[in-house]
């Protein structure tokens, strides 16, 4: 066997392995509209439905620590397209909700609680689907069918801005979740690797951007 061809874990991967247990938090606006399917492409939940008045991210971390978790992942934006941090990339998120006077930032709360309880924070940053923008797997406009170059380029711009905001505002992140991967740049996907390397060079990635298909 040619041992020179073996792939070994990076220090970051080894650290992830050694931590053994993490916790995943998925909380999104569909909680307030039971039965709603984002792939219906209609009847999006009104942002004002989002009213987590008893939100307590410290309690989340107490639960995580009690089960022995040493890192945690929060879904900042899932398939609904609802943004749970302060952003102007498009008008669908906590900024458009009356909750906390439109000033809420669950990502900031989550990261702050992680640090308070000595749990490493990570963020889920999916770009493969977005119900608000009519995007579906593998990350194409027009419900996954693709559209004009201009339409796709605008979605790419939004994805890159989303990644820049999430990866640059909240300090070091332990892990980045893409979920569903990201299509290659030359197939119409966002150029995420340089953004990740610039802002979160030490983070590990789950289902990161795919290489170009051959």
N, C-alpha and C. Protein backbone atom coordinates (compact mmCIF):
# COMPACT_ATOMS: atom_id res chain seq x y z
N UNK A 1 0.84 -1.19 0.00
CA UNK A 1 0.00 0.00 0.00
C UNK A 1 0.87 1.24 0.00
N UNK A 2 0.52 2.22 -0.80
CA UNK A 2 1.26 3.46 -0.88
C UNK A 2 0.78 4.41 0.21
N UNK A 3 1.48 4.42 1.34
CA UNK A 3 1.04 5.24 2.47
C UNK A 3 1.16 6.72 2.17
N UNK A 4 1.97 7.08 1.15
CA UNK A 4 2.11 8.48 0.81
C UNK A 4 0.85 9.10 0.28
N UNK A 5 -0.13 8.29 -0.14
CA UNK A 5 -1.37 8.81 -0.69
C UNK A 5 -2.48 8.91 0.35
N UNK A 6 -2.20 8.51 1.59
CA UNK A 6 -3.23 8.56 2.62
C UNK A 6 -3.57 10.00 3.00
N UNK A 7 -4.83 10.23 3.22
CA UNK A 7 -5.29 11.54 3.65
C UNK A 7 -5.46 11.52 5.17
N UNK A 8 -4.81 12.45 5.84
CA UNK A 8 -4.90 12.50 7.29
C UNK A 8 -5.72 13.71 7.73
N UNK A 9 -6.22 13.66 8.93
CA UNK A 9 -7.04 14.74 9.46
C UNK A 9 -6.19 15.99 9.70
N UNK A 10 -6.79 17.13 9.44
CA UNK A 10 -6.14 18.39 9.79
C UNK A 10 -6.29 18.60 11.30
N UNK A 11 -5.53 19.52 11.88
CA UNK A 11 -5.73 19.81 13.31
C UNK A 11 -7.17 20.19 13.64
N UNK A 12 -7.83 20.94 12.75
CA UNK A 12 -9.22 21.32 12.99
C UNK A 12 -10.14 20.11 13.00
N UNK A 13 -9.93 19.18 12.07
CA UNK A 13 -10.74 17.97 12.04
C UNK A 13 -10.49 17.12 13.28
N UNK A 14 -9.24 17.04 13.70
CA UNK A 14 -8.92 16.25 14.88
C UNK A 14 -9.57 16.85 16.12
N UNK A 15 -9.59 18.18 16.18
CA UNK A 15 -10.23 18.84 17.31
C UNK A 15 -11.72 18.53 17.33
N UNK A 16 -12.36 18.60 16.15
CA UNK A 16 -13.78 18.26 16.05
C UNK A 16 -14.03 16.83 16.53
N UNK A 17 -13.18 15.93 16.11
CA UNK A 17 -13.32 14.53 16.51
C UNK A 17 -13.19 14.38 18.02
N UNK A 18 -12.23 15.07 18.60
CA UNK A 18 -11.98 14.94 20.03
C UNK A 18 -13.09 15.52 20.89
N UNK A 19 -13.81 16.51 20.36
CA UNK A 19 -14.91 17.09 21.12
C UNK A 19 -16.08 16.13 21.28
N UNK A 20 -16.22 15.21 20.35
CA UNK A 20 -17.15 14.07 20.41
C UNK A 20 -18.63 14.43 20.27
N UNK A 21 -19.13 15.42 21.00
CA UNK A 21 -20.58 15.63 21.03
C UNK A 21 -20.92 17.11 20.83
N UNK A 22 -21.84 17.36 19.90
CA UNK A 22 -22.35 18.71 19.68
C UNK A 22 -23.86 18.71 19.70
N UNK A 23 -24.46 19.90 19.68
CA UNK A 23 -25.91 20.03 19.70
C UNK A 23 -26.34 20.96 18.58
N UNK A 24 -27.48 20.66 17.98
CA UNK A 24 -27.97 21.38 16.81
C UNK A 24 -29.29 22.04 17.17
N UNK A 25 -29.40 23.35 16.90
CA UNK A 25 -30.62 24.09 17.22
C UNK A 25 -31.26 24.60 15.94
N UNK A 26 -32.47 24.10 15.67
CA UNK A 26 -33.21 24.51 14.48
C UNK A 26 -34.52 25.14 14.91
N UNK A 27 -34.55 26.46 14.85
CA UNK A 27 -35.72 27.24 15.24
C UNK A 27 -35.95 28.27 14.15
N UNK A 28 -37.16 28.28 13.57
CA UNK A 28 -37.39 29.11 12.39
C UNK A 28 -38.85 29.56 12.37
N UNK A 29 -39.18 30.49 11.49
CA UNK A 29 -40.53 31.06 11.46
C UNK A 29 -41.64 30.03 11.17
N UNK A 30 -41.41 28.91 10.47
CA UNK A 30 -42.52 27.96 10.29
C UNK A 30 -43.08 27.42 11.60
N UNK A 31 -42.34 27.56 12.71
CA UNK A 31 -42.87 27.18 14.01
C UNK A 31 -44.19 27.90 14.27
N UNK A 32 -44.31 29.12 13.74
CA UNK A 32 -45.49 29.94 14.00
C UNK A 32 -46.59 29.76 12.96
N UNK A 33 -46.35 28.90 11.97
CA UNK A 33 -47.39 28.61 10.97
C UNK A 33 -47.37 27.11 10.69
N UNK A 34 -47.87 26.31 11.63
CA UNK A 34 -47.84 24.85 11.49
C UNK A 34 -48.48 24.39 10.18
N UNK A 35 -47.81 23.44 9.54
CA UNK A 35 -48.33 22.87 8.30
C UNK A 35 -47.90 23.60 7.05
N UNK A 36 -47.31 24.77 7.21
CA UNK A 36 -46.86 25.51 6.02
C UNK A 36 -45.68 24.80 5.37
N UNK A 37 -45.72 24.68 4.05
CA UNK A 37 -44.65 24.04 3.28
C UNK A 37 -43.97 25.10 2.42
N UNK A 38 -42.68 25.33 2.66
CA UNK A 38 -42.01 26.38 1.90
C UNK A 38 -42.00 26.09 0.41
N UNK A 39 -42.11 24.83 0.03
CA UNK A 39 -42.16 24.49 -1.40
C UNK A 39 -43.54 24.71 -2.00
N UNK A 40 -44.45 25.25 -1.24
CA UNK A 40 -45.72 25.68 -1.85
C UNK A 40 -45.50 26.97 -2.62
N UNK A 41 -44.39 27.66 -2.31
CA UNK A 41 -44.03 28.91 -2.99
C UNK A 41 -45.11 29.98 -2.84
N UNK A 42 -45.87 29.92 -1.78
CA UNK A 42 -46.91 30.92 -1.56
C UNK A 42 -47.22 30.97 -0.06
N UNK A 43 -47.97 31.97 0.31
CA UNK A 43 -48.44 32.11 1.70
C UNK A 43 -47.30 32.08 2.70
N UNK A 44 -46.20 32.77 2.40
CA UNK A 44 -45.10 32.81 3.34
C UNK A 44 -45.57 33.38 4.68
N UNK A 45 -45.11 32.82 5.78
CA UNK A 45 -45.50 33.36 7.08
C UNK A 45 -45.11 34.83 7.20
N UNK A 46 -46.03 35.63 7.66
CA UNK A 46 -45.76 37.04 7.88
C UNK A 46 -44.66 37.19 8.94
N UNK A 47 -43.66 38.05 8.72
CA UNK A 47 -42.59 38.21 9.71
C UNK A 47 -43.11 38.55 11.10
N UNK A 48 -44.27 39.20 11.19
CA UNK A 48 -44.80 39.55 12.50
C UNK A 48 -45.34 38.36 13.27
N UNK A 49 -45.47 37.21 12.61
CA UNK A 49 -45.81 36.00 13.34
C UNK A 49 -44.66 35.56 14.24
N UNK A 50 -43.47 35.97 13.88
CA UNK A 50 -42.26 35.57 14.62
C UNK A 50 -42.19 36.38 15.91
N UNK A 51 -42.58 35.76 17.02
CA UNK A 51 -42.64 36.44 18.31
C UNK A 51 -42.13 35.51 19.42
N UNK A 52 -40.84 35.20 19.43
CA UNK A 52 -40.31 34.32 20.48
C UNK A 52 -40.08 35.07 21.80
N UNK A 53 -41.18 35.49 22.42
CA UNK A 53 -41.10 36.34 23.60
C UNK A 53 -40.33 35.68 24.75
N UNK A 54 -40.34 34.36 24.82
CA UNK A 54 -39.66 33.68 25.91
C UNK A 54 -38.32 33.09 25.47
N UNK A 55 -37.78 33.62 24.39
CA UNK A 55 -36.49 33.13 23.91
C UNK A 55 -35.42 33.24 25.00
N UNK A 56 -34.73 32.15 25.25
CA UNK A 56 -33.69 32.13 26.28
C UNK A 56 -32.56 31.24 25.78
N UNK A 57 -31.63 31.83 25.06
CA UNK A 57 -30.53 31.04 24.51
C UNK A 57 -29.58 30.54 25.60
N UNK A 58 -29.57 31.19 26.76
CA UNK A 58 -28.81 30.64 27.88
C UNK A 58 -29.36 29.28 28.29
N UNK A 59 -30.69 29.16 28.27
CA UNK A 59 -31.31 27.87 28.61
C UNK A 59 -30.92 26.81 27.60
N UNK A 60 -30.80 27.21 26.31
CA UNK A 60 -30.33 26.27 25.30
C UNK A 60 -28.96 25.72 25.68
N UNK A 61 -28.07 26.62 26.09
CA UNK A 61 -26.71 26.21 26.39
C UNK A 61 -26.64 25.41 27.69
N UNK A 62 -27.53 25.72 28.64
CA UNK A 62 -27.60 24.91 29.85
C UNK A 62 -27.97 23.48 29.49
N UNK A 63 -28.92 23.32 28.56
CA UNK A 63 -29.32 21.98 28.11
C UNK A 63 -28.18 21.30 27.38
N UNK A 64 -27.48 22.07 26.53
CA UNK A 64 -26.35 21.51 25.79
C UNK A 64 -25.26 21.03 26.75
N UNK A 65 -24.94 21.86 27.70
CA UNK A 65 -23.89 21.49 28.66
C UNK A 65 -24.30 20.29 29.50
N UNK A 66 -25.59 20.24 29.86
CA UNK A 66 -26.08 19.13 30.67
C UNK A 66 -25.95 17.79 29.95
N UNK A 67 -26.07 17.81 28.62
CA UNK A 67 -25.94 16.56 27.87
C UNK A 67 -24.49 16.28 27.47
N UNK A 68 -23.59 17.18 27.82
CA UNK A 68 -22.19 16.96 27.53
C UNK A 68 -21.71 17.52 26.21
N UNK A 69 -22.55 18.33 25.54
CA UNK A 69 -22.15 18.91 24.26
C UNK A 69 -21.04 19.94 24.49
N UNK A 70 -20.11 19.98 23.54
CA UNK A 70 -19.00 20.93 23.66
C UNK A 70 -18.98 21.94 22.52
N UNK A 71 -19.86 21.74 21.55
CA UNK A 71 -20.07 22.74 20.51
C UNK A 71 -21.55 22.72 20.12
N UNK A 72 -22.01 23.78 19.48
CA UNK A 72 -23.43 23.88 19.11
C UNK A 72 -23.55 24.60 17.77
N UNK A 73 -24.55 24.19 16.99
CA UNK A 73 -24.83 24.77 15.68
C UNK A 73 -26.22 25.39 15.70
N UNK A 74 -26.34 26.61 15.18
CA UNK A 74 -27.65 27.25 15.08
C UNK A 74 -27.99 27.53 13.61
N UNK A 75 -29.24 27.27 13.24
CA UNK A 75 -29.70 27.51 11.88
C UNK A 75 -30.07 28.99 11.72
N UNK A 76 -29.17 29.74 11.11
CA UNK A 76 -29.40 31.18 10.93
C UNK A 76 -30.40 31.46 9.84
N UNK A 77 -30.39 30.63 8.79
CA UNK A 77 -31.35 30.75 7.70
C UNK A 77 -31.59 29.38 7.09
N UNK A 78 -32.83 28.92 7.16
CA UNK A 78 -33.17 27.63 6.58
C UNK A 78 -33.94 27.84 5.28
N UNK A 79 -34.67 26.83 4.85
CA UNK A 79 -35.30 26.86 3.53
C UNK A 79 -36.43 27.88 3.41
N UNK A 80 -36.97 28.33 4.53
CA UNK A 80 -38.00 29.37 4.45
C UNK A 80 -37.43 30.66 3.88
N UNK A 81 -36.14 30.89 4.11
CA UNK A 81 -35.52 32.13 3.70
C UNK A 81 -35.52 33.20 4.78
N UNK A 82 -36.15 32.92 5.92
CA UNK A 82 -36.26 33.90 7.01
C UNK A 82 -34.90 34.07 7.69
N UNK A 83 -34.41 35.31 7.74
CA UNK A 83 -33.08 35.61 8.28
C UNK A 83 -33.18 35.96 9.76
N UNK A 84 -32.44 35.23 10.60
CA UNK A 84 -32.55 35.42 12.04
C UNK A 84 -31.40 36.26 12.60
N UNK A 85 -30.94 37.21 11.81
CA UNK A 85 -29.97 38.20 12.26
C UNK A 85 -30.31 39.51 11.55
N UNK A 86 -29.69 40.58 11.96
CA UNK A 86 -29.95 41.89 11.39
C UNK A 86 -29.28 42.01 10.02
N UNK A 87 -30.09 42.08 8.98
CA UNK A 87 -29.55 42.13 7.63
C UNK A 87 -30.48 42.91 6.71
N UNK A 88 -29.90 43.47 5.67
CA UNK A 88 -30.66 44.16 4.64
C UNK A 88 -30.54 43.45 3.29
N UNK A 89 -30.11 42.19 3.30
CA UNK A 89 -29.93 41.51 2.01
C UNK A 89 -31.25 41.34 1.27
N UNK A 90 -32.34 41.18 2.01
CA UNK A 90 -33.69 41.23 1.45
C UNK A 90 -34.64 41.36 2.64
N UNK A 91 -35.87 41.82 2.42
CA UNK A 91 -36.76 42.17 3.52
C UNK A 91 -37.60 41.01 4.06
N UNK A 92 -36.93 40.01 4.60
CA UNK A 92 -37.67 38.89 5.19
C UNK A 92 -36.83 38.30 6.32
N UNK A 93 -37.09 38.79 7.52
CA UNK A 93 -36.32 38.30 8.66
C UNK A 93 -36.72 39.02 9.93
N UNK A 94 -35.90 38.87 10.96
CA UNK A 94 -36.21 39.46 12.25
C UNK A 94 -36.32 40.98 12.17
N UNK A 95 -35.63 41.58 11.23
CA UNK A 95 -35.69 43.04 11.09
C UNK A 95 -37.06 43.51 10.65
N UNK A 96 -37.84 42.64 10.01
CA UNK A 96 -39.18 42.99 9.56
C UNK A 96 -40.24 42.56 10.57
N UNK A 97 -39.83 41.95 11.68
CA UNK A 97 -40.77 41.55 12.72
C UNK A 97 -40.87 42.64 13.78
N UNK A 98 -42.03 42.74 14.40
CA UNK A 98 -42.18 43.69 15.50
C UNK A 98 -41.52 43.19 16.78
N UNK A 99 -41.11 41.94 16.80
CA UNK A 99 -40.43 41.39 17.97
C UNK A 99 -39.17 42.21 18.26
N UNK A 100 -39.05 42.63 19.50
CA UNK A 100 -37.94 43.48 19.93
C UNK A 100 -37.80 44.74 19.06
N UNK A 101 -38.92 45.21 18.57
CA UNK A 101 -38.91 46.43 17.77
C UNK A 101 -38.10 46.32 16.50
N UNK A 102 -38.02 45.11 15.95
CA UNK A 102 -37.26 44.91 14.72
C UNK A 102 -35.76 44.89 14.93
N UNK A 103 -35.31 44.85 16.20
CA UNK A 103 -33.88 44.88 16.51
C UNK A 103 -33.34 43.53 16.98
N UNK A 104 -34.17 42.48 16.93
CA UNK A 104 -33.73 41.18 17.41
C UNK A 104 -32.62 40.58 16.56
N UNK A 105 -31.78 39.80 17.18
CA UNK A 105 -30.69 39.10 16.48
C UNK A 105 -30.43 37.79 17.21
N UNK A 106 -31.08 36.73 16.76
CA UNK A 106 -30.97 35.45 17.45
C UNK A 106 -29.58 34.86 17.28
N UNK A 107 -28.95 35.14 16.15
CA UNK A 107 -27.58 34.65 15.95
C UNK A 107 -26.66 35.25 17.01
N UNK A 108 -26.79 36.56 17.25
CA UNK A 108 -25.96 37.22 18.27
C UNK A 108 -26.25 36.64 19.65
N UNK A 109 -27.53 36.43 19.97
CA UNK A 109 -27.89 35.85 21.27
C UNK A 109 -27.27 34.47 21.43
N UNK A 110 -27.39 33.67 20.38
CA UNK A 110 -26.88 32.30 20.41
C UNK A 110 -25.37 32.28 20.64
N UNK A 111 -24.64 33.07 19.88
CA UNK A 111 -23.18 33.08 20.01
C UNK A 111 -22.76 33.58 21.39
N UNK A 112 -23.43 34.61 21.87
CA UNK A 112 -23.11 35.14 23.19
C UNK A 112 -23.32 34.08 24.27
N UNK A 113 -24.42 33.34 24.18
CA UNK A 113 -24.68 32.29 25.16
C UNK A 113 -23.67 31.16 25.05
N UNK A 114 -23.29 30.82 23.83
CA UNK A 114 -22.25 29.79 23.65
C UNK A 114 -20.98 30.17 24.40
N UNK A 115 -20.55 31.39 24.23
CA UNK A 115 -19.31 31.83 24.86
C UNK A 115 -19.46 31.89 26.38
N UNK A 116 -20.64 32.28 26.85
CA UNK A 116 -20.90 32.34 28.29
C UNK A 116 -20.77 30.97 28.93
N UNK A 117 -21.19 29.93 28.21
CA UNK A 117 -21.19 28.58 28.76
C UNK A 117 -20.02 27.73 28.25
N UNK A 118 -19.06 28.38 27.62
CA UNK A 118 -17.85 27.71 27.14
C UNK A 118 -18.18 26.59 26.16
N UNK A 119 -19.11 26.88 25.26
CA UNK A 119 -19.48 25.96 24.19
C UNK A 119 -19.12 26.62 22.87
N UNK A 120 -18.45 25.89 21.99
CA UNK A 120 -17.99 26.46 20.74
C UNK A 120 -19.18 26.68 19.79
N UNK A 121 -19.33 27.89 19.23
CA UNK A 121 -20.47 28.18 18.37
C UNK A 121 -20.22 27.84 16.90
N UNK A 122 -21.27 27.40 16.24
CA UNK A 122 -21.23 27.18 14.80
C UNK A 122 -22.53 27.66 14.18
N UNK A 123 -22.52 27.91 12.88
CA UNK A 123 -23.71 28.41 12.20
C UNK A 123 -24.03 27.60 10.95
N UNK A 124 -25.29 27.37 10.75
CA UNK A 124 -25.84 26.74 9.56
C UNK A 124 -26.10 27.86 8.55
N UNK A 125 -25.52 27.74 7.37
CA UNK A 125 -25.65 28.80 6.37
C UNK A 125 -25.95 28.19 5.00
N UNK A 126 -27.17 27.71 4.85
CA UNK A 126 -27.56 27.03 3.61
C UNK A 126 -27.75 28.02 2.47
N UNK A 127 -27.25 27.66 1.30
CA UNK A 127 -27.47 28.47 0.10
C UNK A 127 -28.18 27.69 -1.00
N UNK A 128 -28.56 26.46 -0.70
CA UNK A 128 -29.14 25.60 -1.74
C UNK A 128 -30.64 25.79 -1.93
N UNK A 129 -31.31 26.45 -0.97
CA UNK A 129 -32.76 26.64 -1.10
C UNK A 129 -33.17 27.90 -0.34
N UNK A 130 -34.20 28.56 -0.86
CA UNK A 130 -34.70 29.77 -0.21
C UNK A 130 -36.13 30.01 -0.69
N UNK A 131 -37.10 29.70 0.18
CA UNK A 131 -38.49 29.83 -0.20
C UNK A 131 -38.89 31.25 -0.52
N UNK A 132 -38.34 32.22 0.19
CA UNK A 132 -38.69 33.61 -0.05
C UNK A 132 -38.25 34.06 -1.44
N UNK A 133 -37.10 33.58 -1.89
CA UNK A 133 -36.56 33.99 -3.18
C UNK A 133 -36.89 33.03 -4.31
N UNK A 134 -37.64 31.97 -4.03
CA UNK A 134 -38.00 31.02 -5.08
C UNK A 134 -36.82 30.20 -5.57
N UNK A 135 -35.94 29.83 -4.66
CA UNK A 135 -34.75 29.05 -5.00
C UNK A 135 -34.88 27.65 -4.41
N UNK A 136 -34.50 26.64 -5.22
CA UNK A 136 -34.54 25.26 -4.71
C UNK A 136 -33.26 24.55 -5.12
N UNK A 137 -33.09 23.37 -4.55
CA UNK A 137 -31.90 22.57 -4.84
C UNK A 137 -31.68 22.42 -6.35
N UNK A 138 -30.43 22.54 -6.76
CA UNK A 138 -29.19 22.62 -5.96
C UNK A 138 -28.73 24.04 -5.64
N UNK A 139 -29.63 25.01 -5.74
CA UNK A 139 -29.27 26.40 -5.49
C UNK A 139 -29.52 27.28 -6.70
N UNK A 140 -30.58 26.94 -7.44
CA UNK A 140 -30.91 27.67 -8.66
C UNK A 140 -32.22 28.43 -8.49
N UNK A 141 -32.30 29.58 -9.14
CA UNK A 141 -33.53 30.36 -9.12
C UNK A 141 -34.62 29.63 -9.91
N UNK A 142 -35.81 30.21 -9.90
CA UNK A 142 -36.95 29.62 -10.62
C UNK A 142 -37.25 28.22 -10.09
N UNK A 143 -37.23 28.13 -8.74
CA UNK A 143 -37.59 26.89 -8.04
C UNK A 143 -36.72 25.70 -8.43
N UNK A 144 -35.43 26.00 -8.64
CA UNK A 144 -34.46 24.96 -8.94
C UNK A 144 -34.27 24.68 -10.41
N UNK A 145 -35.03 25.33 -11.27
CA UNK A 145 -34.93 25.08 -12.71
C UNK A 145 -33.90 25.98 -13.38
N UNK A 146 -33.52 27.06 -12.68
CA UNK A 146 -32.59 28.01 -13.29
C UNK A 146 -33.36 29.08 -14.06
N UNK A 147 -32.68 30.18 -14.29
CA UNK A 147 -33.31 31.27 -15.03
C UNK A 147 -32.28 32.00 -15.85
N UNK A 148 -32.43 33.30 -15.95
CA UNK A 148 -31.46 34.07 -16.71
C UNK A 148 -30.18 34.24 -15.90
N UNK A 149 -29.12 34.57 -16.59
CA UNK A 149 -27.83 34.78 -15.92
C UNK A 149 -27.95 35.91 -14.90
N UNK A 150 -28.72 36.92 -15.23
CA UNK A 150 -28.87 38.06 -14.31
C UNK A 150 -29.59 37.65 -13.03
N UNK A 151 -30.62 36.83 -13.15
CA UNK A 151 -31.35 36.37 -11.96
C UNK A 151 -30.45 35.53 -11.06
N UNK A 152 -29.69 34.63 -11.67
CA UNK A 152 -28.80 33.78 -10.88
C UNK A 152 -27.68 34.60 -10.26
N UNK A 153 -27.17 35.57 -10.99
CA UNK A 153 -26.10 36.42 -10.46
C UNK A 153 -26.58 37.21 -9.25
N UNK A 154 -27.83 37.64 -9.25
CA UNK A 154 -28.36 38.36 -8.10
C UNK A 154 -28.46 37.43 -6.89
N UNK A 155 -28.87 36.18 -7.12
CA UNK A 155 -28.92 35.23 -6.01
C UNK A 155 -27.52 34.95 -5.47
N UNK A 156 -26.55 34.83 -6.36
CA UNK A 156 -25.16 34.63 -5.94
C UNK A 156 -24.71 35.80 -5.07
N UNK A 157 -25.03 37.01 -5.48
CA UNK A 157 -24.66 38.18 -4.69
C UNK A 157 -25.26 38.11 -3.29
N UNK A 158 -26.52 37.71 -3.21
CA UNK A 158 -27.20 37.60 -1.92
C UNK A 158 -26.52 36.55 -1.04
N UNK A 159 -26.21 35.40 -1.62
CA UNK A 159 -25.56 34.33 -0.85
C UNK A 159 -24.20 34.77 -0.33
N UNK A 160 -23.45 35.43 -1.16
CA UNK A 160 -22.12 35.87 -0.74
C UNK A 160 -22.21 36.94 0.35
N UNK A 161 -23.20 37.81 0.26
CA UNK A 161 -23.39 38.82 1.31
C UNK A 161 -23.83 38.16 2.60
N UNK A 162 -24.73 37.18 2.51
CA UNK A 162 -25.18 36.45 3.68
C UNK A 162 -24.00 35.80 4.38
N UNK A 163 -23.17 35.11 3.62
CA UNK A 163 -22.01 34.44 4.19
C UNK A 163 -21.05 35.44 4.83
N UNK A 164 -20.83 36.55 4.16
CA UNK A 164 -19.92 37.57 4.70
C UNK A 164 -20.43 38.10 6.03
N UNK A 165 -21.71 38.38 6.11
CA UNK A 165 -22.27 38.89 7.36
C UNK A 165 -22.16 37.87 8.48
N UNK A 166 -22.59 36.64 8.21
CA UNK A 166 -22.61 35.64 9.26
C UNK A 166 -21.21 35.24 9.72
N UNK A 167 -20.26 35.25 8.81
CA UNK A 167 -18.92 34.78 9.16
C UNK A 167 -17.99 35.89 9.64
N UNK A 168 -18.43 37.15 9.53
CA UNK A 168 -17.54 38.25 9.93
C UNK A 168 -18.01 39.01 11.16
N UNK A 169 -19.26 38.83 11.57
CA UNK A 169 -19.81 39.67 12.63
C UNK A 169 -19.74 39.08 14.03
N UNK A 170 -19.55 37.77 14.15
CA UNK A 170 -19.79 37.12 15.44
C UNK A 170 -18.56 36.44 16.02
N UNK A 171 -17.40 36.81 15.54
CA UNK A 171 -16.18 36.21 16.07
C UNK A 171 -15.91 34.83 15.49
N UNK A 172 -14.96 34.14 16.07
CA UNK A 172 -14.56 32.83 15.56
C UNK A 172 -15.70 31.82 15.69
N UNK A 173 -15.92 31.08 14.62
CA UNK A 173 -16.91 30.02 14.60
C UNK A 173 -16.20 28.68 14.49
N UNK A 174 -16.74 27.70 15.19
CA UNK A 174 -16.12 26.38 15.20
C UNK A 174 -16.46 25.58 13.94
N UNK A 175 -17.71 25.66 13.52
CA UNK A 175 -18.16 24.86 12.37
C UNK A 175 -19.16 25.64 11.54
N UNK A 176 -19.08 25.46 10.23
CA UNK A 176 -20.02 26.04 9.28
C UNK A 176 -20.79 24.90 8.61
N UNK A 177 -22.10 24.96 8.71
CA UNK A 177 -22.96 23.98 8.03
C UNK A 177 -23.53 24.63 6.77
N UNK A 178 -23.35 23.98 5.63
CA UNK A 178 -23.98 24.43 4.40
C UNK A 178 -25.29 23.69 4.16
N UNK A 179 -25.29 22.39 4.37
CA UNK A 179 -26.46 21.54 4.19
C UNK A 179 -26.98 21.62 2.75
N UNK A 180 -26.75 20.58 2.00
CA UNK A 180 -27.13 20.60 0.59
C UNK A 180 -26.00 21.09 -0.29
N UNK A 181 -24.87 21.40 0.34
CA UNK A 181 -23.68 21.82 -0.39
C UNK A 181 -23.93 23.14 -1.11
N UNK A 182 -23.06 23.46 -2.05
CA UNK A 182 -23.21 24.66 -2.88
C UNK A 182 -22.66 24.31 -4.25
N UNK A 183 -23.39 24.66 -5.29
CA UNK A 183 -22.94 24.31 -6.64
C UNK A 183 -21.68 25.10 -6.98
N UNK A 184 -20.83 24.56 -7.86
CA UNK A 184 -19.59 25.25 -8.23
C UNK A 184 -19.85 26.62 -8.85
N UNK A 185 -18.88 27.48 -8.72
CA UNK A 185 -19.00 28.84 -9.24
C UNK A 185 -19.28 28.83 -10.74
N UNK A 186 -18.59 27.97 -11.48
CA UNK A 186 -18.78 27.98 -12.93
C UNK A 186 -20.08 27.31 -13.36
N UNK A 187 -20.86 26.84 -12.40
CA UNK A 187 -22.19 26.32 -12.71
C UNK A 187 -23.29 27.23 -12.14
N UNK A 188 -22.87 28.40 -11.68
CA UNK A 188 -23.85 29.37 -11.20
C UNK A 188 -23.95 29.51 -9.71
N UNK A 189 -22.99 28.96 -8.98
CA UNK A 189 -23.01 29.03 -7.52
C UNK A 189 -22.20 30.19 -6.97
N UNK A 190 -22.38 30.51 -5.69
CA UNK A 190 -21.63 31.59 -5.06
C UNK A 190 -20.19 31.20 -4.78
N UNK A 191 -19.31 32.16 -4.78
CA UNK A 191 -17.88 31.92 -4.53
C UNK A 191 -17.64 32.05 -3.03
N UNK A 192 -17.88 30.97 -2.30
CA UNK A 192 -17.88 31.01 -0.84
C UNK A 192 -16.52 30.70 -0.22
N UNK A 193 -15.69 29.93 -0.89
CA UNK A 193 -14.43 29.52 -0.29
C UNK A 193 -13.55 30.72 0.09
N UNK A 194 -13.36 31.71 -0.78
CA UNK A 194 -12.54 32.87 -0.37
C UNK A 194 -13.12 33.60 0.84
N UNK A 195 -14.44 33.66 0.93
CA UNK A 195 -15.08 34.34 2.07
C UNK A 195 -14.82 33.56 3.35
N UNK A 196 -14.93 32.24 3.25
CA UNK A 196 -14.67 31.38 4.40
C UNK A 196 -13.21 31.48 4.84
N UNK A 197 -12.31 31.45 3.88
CA UNK A 197 -10.89 31.53 4.20
C UNK A 197 -10.52 32.89 4.80
N UNK A 198 -11.21 33.94 4.36
CA UNK A 198 -10.91 35.28 4.85
C UNK A 198 -11.41 35.48 6.28
N UNK A 199 -12.64 35.01 6.55
CA UNK A 199 -13.26 35.33 7.83
C UNK A 199 -13.25 34.19 8.85
N UNK A 200 -13.24 32.95 8.39
CA UNK A 200 -13.28 31.81 9.31
C UNK A 200 -12.28 30.74 8.87
N UNK A 201 -11.01 31.07 8.81
CA UNK A 201 -10.02 30.12 8.29
C UNK A 201 -9.85 28.86 9.14
N UNK A 202 -10.26 28.91 10.40
CA UNK A 202 -10.06 27.76 11.28
C UNK A 202 -11.32 26.93 11.47
N UNK A 203 -12.43 27.35 10.85
CA UNK A 203 -13.68 26.60 11.00
C UNK A 203 -13.66 25.36 10.11
N UNK A 204 -14.31 24.32 10.58
CA UNK A 204 -14.54 23.15 9.72
C UNK A 204 -15.89 23.32 9.03
N UNK A 205 -16.08 22.64 7.92
CA UNK A 205 -17.30 22.81 7.13
C UNK A 205 -17.98 21.47 6.92
N UNK A 206 -19.31 21.48 7.00
CA UNK A 206 -20.12 20.31 6.70
C UNK A 206 -20.81 20.56 5.36
N UNK A 207 -20.63 19.64 4.41
CA UNK A 207 -21.22 19.76 3.08
C UNK A 207 -20.87 21.12 2.45
N UNK A 208 -19.60 21.42 2.39
CA UNK A 208 -19.15 22.68 1.83
C UNK A 208 -19.28 22.71 0.31
N UNK A 209 -18.82 23.81 -0.29
CA UNK A 209 -18.93 23.95 -1.75
C UNK A 209 -18.29 22.80 -2.50
N UNK A 210 -19.01 22.29 -3.48
CA UNK A 210 -18.50 21.18 -4.28
C UNK A 210 -17.47 21.68 -5.27
N UNK A 211 -16.56 20.79 -5.59
CA UNK A 211 -15.62 21.10 -6.68
C UNK A 211 -16.37 21.01 -8.00
N UNK A 212 -15.75 21.53 -9.02
CA UNK A 212 -16.38 21.49 -10.35
C UNK A 212 -16.58 20.06 -10.79
N UNK A 213 -17.78 19.78 -11.32
CA UNK A 213 -18.06 18.44 -11.81
C UNK A 213 -17.29 18.16 -13.10
N UNK A 214 -16.73 16.96 -13.17
CA UNK A 214 -15.93 16.57 -14.36
C UNK A 214 -16.70 15.54 -15.16
